[in-house]
Amino acid sequence: MNDSIEARAATGLALLEQLERLLNAQNERNWLRGVRAAIAELRQPDSSANAAGFENARSIYLSMTSGGRGFSEYFIWDSDEDTSLSANSKLDQIRKSLWLLFNPDR
């Protein structure tokens, strides 16, 4: 990935904010803490992306996804199957994008 660290930080911030909204909509509180911590590393006071916090945000997110029972195994359940499928599709897209952003060599 040849994007500048500033561009990667901005992309990471946007993806993490999407993830935060999705988890909030599901009333998810456990994983939301880590997502918000990563956002805090990337967000400047003017809401722009903080390139200096990229590595910290990366570390936070990767620690959430590593090991058994990590965030990579989290799924959204709803009594309506279509709602579950749609929400989990969005979740998977965000997770895949974050994984590729934070692991450009993999």
PDB file of N, CA and C in Angstrom:
ATOM      1  N   MET A   1       0.858  -1.171   0.000  1.00  0.00           N
ATOM      2  CA  MET A   1       0.000   0.000   0.000  1.00  0.00           C
ATOM      3  C   MET A   1       0.900   1.229   0.000  1.00  0.00           C
ATOM      4  N   ASN A   2       0.733   2.108  -0.955  1.00  0.00           N
ATOM      5  CA  ASN A   2       1.594   3.261  -1.116  1.00  0.00           C
ATOM      6  C   ASN A   2       0.986   4.547  -0.590  1.00  0.00           C
ATOM      7  N   ASP A   3      -0.172   4.481   0.025  1.00  0.00           N
ATOM      8  CA  ASP A   3      -0.804   5.686   0.548  1.00  0.00           C
ATOM      9  C   ASP A   3       0.048   6.287   1.654  1.00  0.00           C
ATOM     10  N   SER A   4      -0.016   7.593   1.772  1.00  0.00           N
ATOM     11  CA  SER A   4       0.702   8.268   2.845  1.00  0.00           C
ATOM     12  C   SER A   4       0.079   7.892   4.180  1.00  0.00           C
ATOM     13  N   ILE A   5       0.846   8.078   5.233  1.00  0.00           N
ATOM     14  CA  ILE A   5       0.337   7.780   6.570  1.00  0.00           C
ATOM     15  C   ILE A   5      -0.869   8.660   6.889  1.00  0.00           C
ATOM     16  N   GLU A   6      -0.878   9.879   6.374  1.00  0.00           N
ATOM     17  CA  GLU A   6      -2.016  10.773   6.604  1.00  0.00           C
ATOM     18  C   GLU A   6      -3.281  10.215   5.956  1.00  0.00           C
ATOM     19  N   ALA A   7      -3.138   9.716   4.732  1.00  0.00           N
ATOM     20  CA  ALA A   7      -4.289   9.135   4.028  1.00  0.00           C
ATOM     21  C   ALA A   7      -4.757   7.864   4.719  1.00  0.00           C
ATOM     22  N   ARG A   8      -3.815   7.053   5.166  1.00  0.00           N
ATOM     23  CA  ARG A   8      -4.182   5.821   5.872  1.00  0.00           C
ATOM     24  C   ARG A   8      -4.865   6.137   7.195  1.00  0.00           C
ATOM     25  N   ALA A   9      -4.381   7.162   7.892  1.00  0.00           N
ATOM     26  CA  ALA A   9      -5.012   7.565   9.156  1.00  0.00           C
ATOM     27  C   ALA A   9      -6.435   8.053   8.916  1.00  0.00           C
ATOM     28  N   ALA A  10      -6.631   8.835   7.861  1.00  0.00           N
ATOM     29  CA  ALA A  10      -7.974   9.336   7.541  1.00  0.00           C
ATOM     30  C   ALA A  10      -8.911   8.186   7.180  1.00  0.00           C
ATOM     31  N   THR A  11      -8.416   7.230   6.419  1.00  0.00           N
ATOM     32  CA  THR A  11      -9.225   6.065   6.059  1.00  0.00           C
ATOM     33  C   THR A  11      -9.555   5.243   7.300  1.00  0.00           C
ATOM     34  N   GLY A  12      -8.560   5.027   8.140  1.00  0.00           N
ATOM     35  CA  GLY A  12      -8.783   4.278   9.379  1.00  0.00           C
ATOM     36  C   GLY A  12      -9.805   4.946  10.272  1.00  0.00           C
ATOM     37  N   LEU A  13      -9.707   6.261  10.395  1.00  0.00           N
ATOM     38  CA  LEU A  13     -10.666   7.002  11.214  1.00  0.00           C
ATOM     39  C   LEU A  13     -12.077   6.840  10.665  1.00  0.00           C
ATOM     40  N   ALA A  14     -12.233   6.978   9.360  1.00  0.00           N
ATOM     41  CA  ALA A  14     -13.564   6.840   8.746  1.00  0.00           C
ATOM     42  C   ALA A  14     -14.126   5.432   8.959  1.00  0.00           C
ATOM     43  N   LEU A  15     -13.297   4.418   8.777  1.00  0.00           N
ATOM     44  CA  LEU A  15     -13.755   3.039   8.967  1.00  0.00           C
ATOM     45  C   LEU A  15     -14.117   2.760  10.422  1.00  0.00           C
ATOM     46  N   LEU A  16     -13.285   3.226  11.338  1.00  0.00           N
ATOM     47  CA  LEU A  16     -13.567   3.006  12.756  1.00  0.00           C
ATOM     48  C   LEU A  16     -14.828   3.743  13.197  1.00  0.00           C
ATOM     49  N   GLU A  17     -15.066   4.923  12.634  1.00  0.00           N
ATOM     50  CA  GLU A  17     -16.296   5.650  12.953  1.00  0.00           C
ATOM     51  C   GLU A  17     -17.521   4.914  12.409  1.00  0.00           C
ATOM     52  N   GLN A  18     -17.401   4.305  11.231  1.00  0.00           N
ATOM     53  CA  GLN A  18     -18.496   3.475  10.701  1.00  0.00           C
ATOM     54  C   GLN A  18     -18.752   2.288  11.627  1.00  0.00           C
ATOM     55  N   LEU A  19     -17.670   1.677  12.072  1.00  0.00           N
ATOM     56  CA  LEU A  19     -17.776   0.535  12.973  1.00  0.00           C
ATOM     57  C   LEU A  19     -18.416   0.954  14.295  1.00  0.00           C
ATOM     58  N   GLU A  20     -18.025   2.106  14.798  1.00  0.00           N
ATOM     59  CA  GLU A  20     -18.616   2.618  16.040  1.00  0.00           C
ATOM     60  C   GLU A  20     -20.130   2.791  15.886  1.00  0.00           C
ATOM     61  N   ARG A  21     -20.559   3.378  14.783  1.00  0.00           N
ATOM     62  CA  ARG A  21     -22.002   3.566  14.553  1.00  0.00           C
ATOM     63  C   ARG A  21     -22.733   2.227  14.474  1.00  0.00           C
ATOM     64  N   LEU A  22     -22.134   1.265  13.793  1.00  0.00           N
ATOM     65  CA  LEU A  22     -22.755  -0.050  13.659  1.00  0.00           C
ATOM     66  C   LEU A  22     -22.881  -0.734  15.022  1.00  0.00           C
ATOM     67  N   LEU A  23     -21.825  -0.700  15.813  1.00  0.00           N
ATOM     68  CA  LEU A  23     -21.862  -1.330  17.133  1.00  0.00           C
ATOM     69  C   LEU A  23     -22.826  -0.604  18.066  1.00  0.00           C
ATOM     70  N   ASN A  24     -22.859   0.715  17.977  1.00  0.00           N
ATOM     71  CA  ASN A  24     -23.815   1.493  18.775  1.00  0.00           C
ATOM     72  C   ASN A  24     -25.243   1.093  18.450  1.00  0.00           C
ATOM     73  N   ALA A  25     -25.531   0.923  17.176  1.00  0.00           N
ATOM     74  CA  ALA A  25     -26.884   0.553  16.747  1.00  0.00           C
ATOM     75  C   ALA A  25     -27.288  -0.808  17.308  1.00  0.00           C
ATOM     76  N   GLN A  26     -26.300  -1.649  17.608  1.00  0.00           N
ATOM     77  CA  GLN A  26     -26.565  -2.982  18.156  1.00  0.00           C
ATOM     78  C   GLN A  26     -26.478  -3.005  19.683  1.00  0.00           C
ATOM     79  N   ASN A  27     -26.260  -1.844  20.290  1.00  0.00           N
ATOM     80  CA  ASN A  27     -26.080  -1.747  21.746  1.00  0.00           C
ATOM     81  C   ASN A  27     -24.920  -2.609  22.239  1.00  0.00           C
ATOM     82  N   GLU A  28     -23.903  -2.771  21.421  1.00  0.00           N
ATOM     83  CA  GLU A  28     -22.709  -3.530  21.764  1.00  0.00           C
ATOM     84  C   GLU A  28     -21.814  -2.633  22.610  1.00  0.00           C
ATOM     85  N   ARG A  29     -21.409  -3.086  23.775  1.00  0.00           N
ATOM     86  CA  ARG A  29     -20.605  -2.245  24.659  1.00  0.00           C
ATOM     87  C   ARG A  29     -19.186  -2.759  24.872  1.00  0.00           C
ATOM     88  N   ASN A  30     -18.978  -4.055  24.804  1.00  0.00           N
ATOM     89  CA  ASN A  30     -17.660  -4.613  25.069  1.00  0.00           C
ATOM     90  C   ASN A  30     -16.638  -4.162  24.028  1.00  0.00           C
ATOM     91  N   TRP A  31     -16.888  -4.451  22.764  1.00  0.00           N
ATOM     92  CA  TRP A  31     -15.930  -4.128  21.705  1.00  0.00           C
ATOM     93  C   TRP A  31     -15.903  -2.642  21.389  1.00  0.00           C
ATOM     94  N   LEU A  32     -16.968  -1.962  21.729  1.00  0.00           N
ATOM     95  CA  LEU A  32     -17.046  -0.526  21.463  1.00  0.00           C
ATOM     96  C   LEU A  32     -15.943   0.242  22.192  1.00  0.00           C
ATOM     97  N   ARG A  33     -15.546  -0.229  23.359  1.00  0.00           N
ATOM     98  CA  ARG A  33     -14.465   0.433  24.119  1.00  0.00           C
ATOM     99  C   ARG A  33     -13.167   0.466  23.316  1.00  0.00           C
ATOM    100  N   GLY A  34     -12.807  -0.665  22.732  1.00  0.00           N
ATOM    101  CA  GLY A  34     -11.587  -0.727  21.937  1.00  0.00           C
ATOM    102  C   GLY A  34     -11.671   0.119  20.682  1.00  0.00           C
ATOM    103  N   VAL A  35     -12.827   0.086  20.042  1.00  0.00           N
ATOM    104  CA  VAL A  35     -13.022   0.893  18.835  1.00  0.00           C
ATOM    105  C   VAL A  35     -12.881   2.368  19.180  1.00  0.00           C
ATOM    106  N   ARG A  36     -13.485   2.780  20.277  1.00  0.00           N
ATOM    107  CA  ARG A  36     -13.397   4.192  20.685  1.00  0.00           C
ATOM    108  C   ARG A  36     -11.976   4.574  21.081  1.00  0.00           C
ATOM    109  N   ALA A  37     -11.246   3.663  21.677  1.00  0.00           N
ATOM    110  CA  ALA A  37      -9.846   3.946  22.018  1.00  0.00           C
ATOM    111  C   ALA A  37      -9.022   4.151  20.747  1.00  0.00           C
ATOM    112  N   ALA A  38      -9.255   3.330  19.738  1.00  0.00           N
ATOM    113  CA  ALA A  38      -8.545   3.483  18.462  1.00  0.00           C
ATOM    114  C   ALA A  38      -8.936   4.793  17.780  1.00  0.00           C
ATOM    115  N   ILE A  39     -10.215   5.138  17.831  1.00  0.00           N
ATOM    116  CA  ILE A  39     -10.677   6.411  17.262  1.00  0.00           C
ATOM    117  C   ILE A  39      -9.996   7.573  17.967  1.00  0.00           C
ATOM    118  N   ALA A  40      -9.894   7.497  19.282  1.00  0.00           N
ATOM    119  CA  ALA A  40      -9.271   8.582  20.052  1.00  0.00           C
ATOM    120  C   ALA A  40      -7.818   8.791  19.641  1.00  0.00           C
ATOM    121  N   GLU A  41      -7.135   7.720  19.280  1.00  0.00           N
ATOM    122  CA  GLU A  41      -5.747   7.843  18.819  1.00  0.00           C
ATOM    123  C   GLU A  41      -5.665   8.544  17.468  1.00  0.00           C
ATOM    124  N   LEU A  42      -6.684   8.380  16.651  1.00  0.00           N
ATOM    125  CA  LEU A  42      -6.653   8.926  15.292  1.00  0.00           C
ATOM    126  C   LEU A  42      -7.298  10.292  15.149  1.00  0.00           C
ATOM    127  N   ARG A  43      -8.160  10.671  16.066  1.00  0.00           N
ATOM    128  CA  ARG A  43      -8.937  11.900  15.895  1.00  0.00           C
ATOM    129  C   ARG A  43      -8.226  13.100  16.525  1.00  0.00           C
ATOM    130  N   GLN A  44      -8.053  14.128  15.704  1.00  0.00           N
ATOM    131  CA  GLN A  44      -7.524  15.413  16.162  1.00  0.00           C
ATOM    132  C   GLN A  44      -8.657  16.212  16.810  1.00  0.00           C
ATOM    133  N   PRO A  45      -8.334  17.249  17.580  1.00  0.00           N
ATOM    134  CA  PRO A  45      -9.386  18.090  18.165  1.00  0.00           C
ATOM    135  C   PRO A  45     -10.349  18.676  17.132  1.00  0.00           C
ATOM    136  N   ASP A  46      -9.880  18.912  15.912  1.00  0.00           N
ATOM    137  CA  ASP A  46     -10.766  19.459  14.872  1.00  0.00           C
ATOM    138  C   ASP A  46     -11.470  18.349  14.081  1.00  0.00           C
ATOM    139  N   SER A  47     -11.395  17.121  14.572  1.00  0.00           N
ATOM    140  CA  SER A  47     -12.012  15.924  13.982  1.00  0.00           C
ATOM    141  C   SER A  47     -11.290  15.395  12.747  1.00  0.00           C
ATOM    142  N   SER A  48     -10.173  16.006  12.373  1.00  0.00           N
ATOM    143  CA  SER A  48      -9.389  15.463  11.265  1.00  0.00           C
ATOM    144  C   SER A  48      -8.550  14.287  11.784  1.00  0.00           C
ATOM    145  N   ALA A  49      -7.936  13.562  10.871  1.00  0.00           N
ATOM    146  CA  ALA A  49      -7.169  12.374  11.243  1.00  0.00           C
ATOM    147  C   ALA A  49      -5.785  12.747  11.757  1.00  0.00           C
ATOM    148  N   ASN A  50      -5.339  12.042  12.765  1.00  0.00           N
ATOM    149  CA  ASN A  50      -4.041  12.247  13.377  1.00  0.00           C
ATOM    150  C   ASN A  50      -3.098  11.137  12.923  1.00  0.00           C
ATOM    151  N   ALA A  51      -2.215  11.461  12.011  1.00  0.00           N
ATOM    152  CA  ALA A  51      -1.294  10.458  11.479  1.00  0.00           C
ATOM    153  C   ALA A  51      -0.380   9.902  12.564  1.00  0.00           C
ATOM    154  N   ALA A  52      -0.020  10.720  13.540  1.00  0.00           N
ATOM    155  CA  ALA A  52       0.872  10.274  14.606  1.00  0.00           C
ATOM    156  C   ALA A  52       0.243   9.159  15.439  1.00  0.00           C
ATOM    157  N   GLY A  53      -1.062   9.111  15.496  1.00  0.00           N
ATOM    158  CA  GLY A  53      -1.741   8.081  16.276  1.00  0.00           C
ATOM    159  C   GLY A  53      -2.029   6.806  15.508  1.00  0.00           C
ATOM    160  N   PHE A  54      -1.624   6.749  14.241  1.00  0.00           N
ATOM    161  CA  PHE A  54      -1.956   5.593  13.404  1.00  0.00           C
ATOM    162  C   PHE A  54      -1.428   4.291  13.994  1.00  0.00           C
ATOM    163  N   GLU A  55      -0.179   4.276  14.405  1.00  0.00           N
ATOM    164  CA  GLU A  55       0.414   3.040  14.921  1.00  0.00           C
ATOM    165  C   GLU A  55      -0.268   2.594  16.216  1.00  0.00           C
ATOM    166  N   ASN A  56      -0.654   3.550  17.069  1.00  0.00           N
ATOM    167  CA  ASN A  56      -1.374   3.198  18.294  1.00  0.00           C
ATOM    168  C   ASN A  56      -2.750   2.624  17.972  1.00  0.00           C
ATOM    169  N   ALA A  57      -3.453   3.249  17.032  1.00  0.00           N
ATOM    170  CA  ALA A  57      -4.774   2.751  16.628  1.00  0.00           C
ATOM    171  C   ALA A  57      -4.640   1.353  16.026  1.00  0.00           C
ATOM    172  N   ARG A  58      -3.615   1.163  15.231  1.00  0.00           N
ATOM    173  CA  ARG A  58      -3.355  -0.144  14.625  1.00  0.00           C
ATOM    174  C   ARG A  58      -3.149  -1.194  15.710  1.00  0.00           C
ATOM    175  N   SER A  59      -2.334  -0.875  16.697  1.00  0.00           N
ATOM    176  CA  SER A  59      -2.052  -1.802  17.785  1.00  0.00           C
ATOM    177  C   SER A  59      -3.320  -2.154  18.567  1.00  0.00           C
ATOM    178  N   ILE A  60      -4.126  -1.153  18.855  1.00  0.00           N
ATOM    179  CA  ILE A  60      -5.380  -1.384  19.588  1.00  0.00           C
ATOM    180  C   ILE A  60      -6.285  -2.314  18.797  1.00  0.00           C
ATOM    181  N   TYR A  61      -6.487  -2.010  17.526  1.00  0.00           N
ATOM    182  CA  TYR A  61      -7.399  -2.821  16.716  1.00  0.00           C
ATOM    183  C   TYR A  61      -6.873  -4.248  16.565  1.00  0.00           C
ATOM    184  N   LEU A  62      -5.591  -4.398  16.301  1.00  0.00           N
ATOM    185  CA  LEU A  62      -5.040  -5.739  16.118  1.00  0.00           C
ATOM    186  C   LEU A  62      -5.104  -6.552  17.402  1.00  0.00           C
ATOM    187  N   SER A  63      -4.965  -5.910  18.555  1.00  0.00           N
ATOM    188  CA  SER A  63      -5.099  -6.644  19.815  1.00  0.00           C
ATOM    189  C   SER A  63      -6.540  -7.122  20.013  1.00  0.00           C
ATOM    190  N   MET A  64      -7.497  -6.387  19.469  1.00  0.00           N
ATOM    191  CA  MET A  64      -8.902  -6.805  19.558  1.00  0.00           C
ATOM    192  C   MET A  64      -9.174  -8.040  18.699  1.00  0.00           C
ATOM    193  N   THR A  65      -8.453  -8.171  17.598  1.00  0.00           N
ATOM    194  CA  THR A  65      -8.745  -9.245  16.644  1.00  0.00           C
ATOM    195  C   THR A  65      -7.881 -10.484  16.835  1.00  0.00           C
ATOM    196  N   SER A  66      -6.883 -10.411  17.698  1.00  0.00           N
ATOM    197  CA  SER A  66      -5.977 -11.550  17.846  1.00  0.00           C
ATOM    198  C   SER A  66      -6.509 -12.561  18.855  1.00  0.00           C
ATOM    199  N   GLY A  67      -6.044 -13.767  18.711  1.00  0.00           N
ATOM    200  CA  GLY A  67      -6.391 -14.819  19.657  1.00  0.00           C
ATOM    201  C   GLY A  67      -7.811 -15.333  19.520  1.00  0.00           C
ATOM    202  N   GLY A  68      -8.092 -16.352  20.276  1.00  0.00           N
ATOM    203  CA  GLY A  68      -9.435 -16.924  20.287  1.00  0.00           C
ATOM    204  C   GLY A  68     -10.426 -15.975  20.938  1.00  0.00           C
ATOM    205  N   ARG A  69     -11.623 -16.032  20.482  1.00  0.00           N
ATOM    206  CA  ARG A  69     -12.709 -15.201  21.012  1.00  0.00           C
ATOM    207  C   ARG A  69     -12.466 -13.713  20.811  1.00  0.00           C
ATOM    208  N   GLY A  70     -11.735 -13.366  19.794  1.00  0.00           N
ATOM    209  CA  GLY A  70     -11.469 -11.969  19.490  1.00  0.00           C
ATOM    210  C   GLY A  70     -12.603 -11.341  18.700  1.00  0.00           C
ATOM    211  N   PHE A  71     -12.414 -10.086  18.380  1.00  0.00           N
ATOM    212  CA  PHE A  71     -13.432  -9.333  17.659  1.00  0.00           C
ATOM    213  C   PHE A  71     -13.718  -9.932  16.288  1.00  0.00           C
ATOM    214  N   SER A  72     -12.757 -10.641  15.741  1.00  0.00           N
ATOM    215  CA  SER A  72     -12.974 -11.263  14.430  1.00  0.00           C
ATOM    216  C   SER A  72     -14.072 -12.320  14.482  1.00  0.00           C
ATOM    217  N   GLU A  73     -14.389 -12.835  15.673  1.00  0.00           N
ATOM    218  CA  GLU A  73     -15.455 -13.823  15.823  1.00  0.00           C
ATOM    219  C   GLU A  73     -16.797 -13.193  16.189  1.00  0.00           C
ATOM    220  N   TYR A  74     -16.806 -11.913  16.470  1.00  0.00           N
ATOM    221  CA  TYR A  74     -18.053 -11.238  16.850  1.00  0.00           C
ATOM    222  C   TYR A  74     -19.013 -11.212  15.666  1.00  0.00           C
ATOM    223  N   PHE A  75     -20.275 -11.429  15.932  1.00  0.00           N
ATOM    224  CA  PHE A  75     -21.292 -11.312  14.892  1.00  0.00           C
ATOM    225  C   PHE A  75     -22.525 -10.645  15.480  1.00  0.00           C
ATOM    226  N   ILE A  76     -23.350 -10.117  14.615  1.00  0.00           N
ATOM    227  CA  ILE A  76     -24.569  -9.414  15.012  1.00  0.00           C
ATOM    228  C   ILE A  76     -25.743 -10.361  14.837  1.00  0.00           C
ATOM    229  N   TRP A  77     -26.496 -10.534  15.905  1.00  0.00           N
ATOM    230  CA  TRP A  77     -27.670 -11.387  15.855  1.00  0.00           C
ATOM    231  C   TRP A  77     -28.911 -10.520  15.899  1.00  0.00           C
ATOM    232  N   ASP A  78     -29.897 -10.893  15.119  1.00  0.00           N
ATOM    233  CA  ASP A  78     -31.208 -10.248  15.138  1.00  0.00           C
ATOM    234  C   ASP A  78     -32.242 -11.333  14.862  1.00  0.00           C
ATOM    235  N   SER A  79     -33.422 -11.174  15.425  1.00  0.00           N
ATOM    236  CA  SER A  79     -34.464 -12.183  15.206  1.00  0.00           C
ATOM    237  C   SER A  79     -34.896 -12.236  13.743  1.00  0.00           C
ATOM    238  N   ASP A  80     -34.648 -11.158  13.017  1.00  0.00           N
ATOM    239  CA  ASP A  80     -34.941 -11.131  11.587  1.00  0.00           C
ATOM    240  C   ASP A  80     -33.670 -11.515  10.823  1.00  0.00           C
ATOM    241  N   GLU A  81     -33.741 -12.617  10.108  1.00  0.00           N
ATOM    242  CA  GLU A  81     -32.556 -13.133   9.417  1.00  0.00           C
ATOM    243  C   GLU A  81     -31.988 -12.138   8.407  1.00  0.00           C
ATOM    244  N   ASP A  82     -32.843 -11.453   7.671  1.00  0.00           N
ATOM    245  CA  ASP A  82     -32.364 -10.485   6.682  1.00  0.00           C
ATOM    246  C   ASP A  82     -31.607  -9.340   7.346  1.00  0.00           C
ATOM    247  N   THR A  83     -32.101  -8.904   8.502  1.00  0.00           N
ATOM    248  CA  THR A  83     -31.418  -7.842   9.248  1.00  0.00           C
ATOM    249  C   THR A  83     -30.047  -8.319   9.706  1.00  0.00           C
ATOM    250  N   SER A  84     -29.982  -9.544  10.224  1.00  0.00           N
ATOM    251  CA  SER A  84     -28.697 -10.114  10.646  1.00  0.00           C
ATOM    252  C   SER A  84     -27.720 -10.213   9.485  1.00  0.00           C
ATOM    253  N   LEU A  85     -28.192 -10.724   8.364  1.00  0.00           N
ATOM    254  CA  LEU A  85     -27.317 -10.876   7.197  1.00  0.00           C
ATOM    255  C   LEU A  85     -26.793  -9.534   6.711  1.00  0.00           C
ATOM    256  N   SER A  86     -27.661  -8.547   6.649  1.00  0.00           N
ATOM    257  CA  SER A  86     -27.255  -7.217   6.189  1.00  0.00           C
ATOM    258  C   SER A  86     -26.248  -6.584   7.142  1.00  0.00           C
ATOM    259  N   ALA A  87     -26.537  -6.630   8.437  1.00  0.00           N
ATOM    260  CA  ALA A  87     -25.640  -6.027   9.430  1.00  0.00           C
ATOM    261  C   ALA A  87     -24.290  -6.732   9.442  1.00  0.00           C
ATOM    262  N   ASN A  88     -24.296  -8.062   9.364  1.00  0.00           N
ATOM    263  CA  ASN A  88     -23.033  -8.803   9.376  1.00  0.00           C
ATOM    264  C   ASN A  88     -22.241  -8.610   8.093  1.00  0.00           C
ATOM    265  N   SER A  89     -22.923  -8.383   6.991  1.00  0.00           N
ATOM    266  CA  SER A  89     -22.229  -8.069   5.747  1.00  0.00           C
ATOM    267  C   SER A  89     -21.485  -6.738   5.878  1.00  0.00           C
ATOM    268  N   LYS A  90     -22.148  -5.734   6.442  1.00  0.00           N
ATOM    269  CA  LYS A  90     -21.494  -4.435   6.675  1.00  0.00           C
ATOM    270  C   LYS A  90     -20.323  -4.591   7.634  1.00  0.00           C
ATOM    271  N   LEU A  91     -20.545  -5.340   8.715  1.00  0.00           N
ATOM    272  CA  LEU A  91     -19.494  -5.575   9.700  1.00  0.00           C
ATOM    273  C   LEU A  91     -18.288  -6.243   9.048  1.00  0.00           C
ATOM    274  N   ASP A  92     -18.524  -7.268   8.259  1.00  0.00           N
ATOM    275  CA  ASP A  92     -17.424  -7.975   7.592  1.00  0.00           C
ATOM    276  C   ASP A  92     -16.671  -7.081   6.612  1.00  0.00           C
ATOM    277  N   GLN A  93     -17.386  -6.232   5.894  1.00  0.00           N
ATOM    278  CA  GLN A  93     -16.729  -5.307   4.962  1.00  0.00           C
ATOM    279  C   GLN A  93     -15.810  -4.345   5.712  1.00  0.00           C
ATOM    280  N   ILE A  94     -16.294  -3.811   6.823  1.00  0.00           N
ATOM    281  CA  ILE A  94     -15.485  -2.881   7.612  1.00  0.00           C
ATOM    282  C   ILE A  94     -14.274  -3.601   8.183  1.00  0.00           C
ATOM    283  N   ARG A  95     -14.485  -4.785   8.766  1.00  0.00           N
ATOM    284  CA  ARG A  95     -13.366  -5.541   9.342  1.00  0.00           C
ATOM    285  C   ARG A  95     -12.317  -5.877   8.281  1.00  0.00           C
ATOM    286  N   LYS A  96     -12.763  -6.293   7.111  1.00  0.00           N
ATOM    287  CA  LYS A  96     -11.820  -6.622   6.034  1.00  0.00           C
ATOM    288  C   LYS A  96     -11.019  -5.390   5.631  1.00  0.00           C
ATOM    289  N   SER A  97     -11.692  -4.262   5.494  1.00  0.00           N
ATOM    290  CA  SER A  97     -11.004  -3.017   5.113  1.00  0.00           C
ATOM    291  C   SER A  97     -10.004  -2.597   6.181  1.00  0.00           C
ATOM    292  N   LEU A  98     -10.382  -2.716   7.451  1.00  0.00           N
ATOM    293  CA  LEU A  98      -9.460  -2.365   8.534  1.00  0.00           C
ATOM    294  C   LEU A  98      -8.273  -3.322   8.560  1.00  0.00           C
ATOM    295  N   TRP A  99      -8.534  -4.600   8.363  1.00  0.00           N
ATOM    296  CA  TRP A  99      -7.441  -5.579   8.353  1.00  0.00           C
ATOM    297  C   TRP A  99      -6.436  -5.247   7.252  1.00  0.00           C
ATOM    298  N   LEU A 100      -6.924  -4.969   6.063  1.00  0.00           N
ATOM    299  CA  LEU A 100      -6.032  -4.635   4.952  1.00  0.00           C
ATOM    300  C   LEU A 100      -5.292  -3.324   5.195  1.00  0.00           C
ATOM    301  N   LEU A 101      -5.960  -2.362   5.797  1.00  0.00           N
ATOM    302  CA  LEU A 101      -5.334  -1.075   6.095  1.00  0.00           C
ATOM    303  C   LEU A 101      -4.220  -1.233   7.127  1.00  0.00           C
ATOM    304  N   PHE A 102      -4.493  -1.992   8.181  1.00  0.00           N
ATOM    305  CA  PHE A 102      -3.530  -2.143   9.268  1.00  0.00           C
ATOM    306  C   PHE A 102      -2.490  -3.227   9.005  1.00  0.00           C
ATOM    307  N   ASN A 103      -2.680  -4.038   7.977  1.00  0.00           N
ATOM    308  CA  ASN A 103      -1.751  -5.115   7.608  1.00  0.00           C
ATOM    309  C   ASN A 103      -1.487  -5.078   6.110  1.00  0.00           C
ATOM    310  N   PRO A 104      -0.879  -4.028   5.607  1.00  0.00           N
ATOM    311  CA  PRO A 104      -0.737  -3.876   4.150  1.00  0.00           C
ATOM    312  C   PRO A 104       0.128  -4.943   3.491  1.00  0.00           C
ATOM    313  N   ASP A 105       0.967  -5.612   4.250  1.00  0.00           N
ATOM    314  CA  ASP A 105       1.871  -6.607   3.669  1.00  0.00           C
ATOM    315  C   ASP A 105       1.300  -8.016   3.692  1.00  0.00           C
ATOM    316  N   ARG A 106       0.090  -8.172   4.197  1.00  0.00           N
ATOM    317  CA  ARG A 106      -0.493  -9.524   4.312  1.00  0.00           C
ATOM    318  C   ARG A 106      -1.541  -9.745   3.288  1.00  0.00           C
TER     319      ARG A 106
END
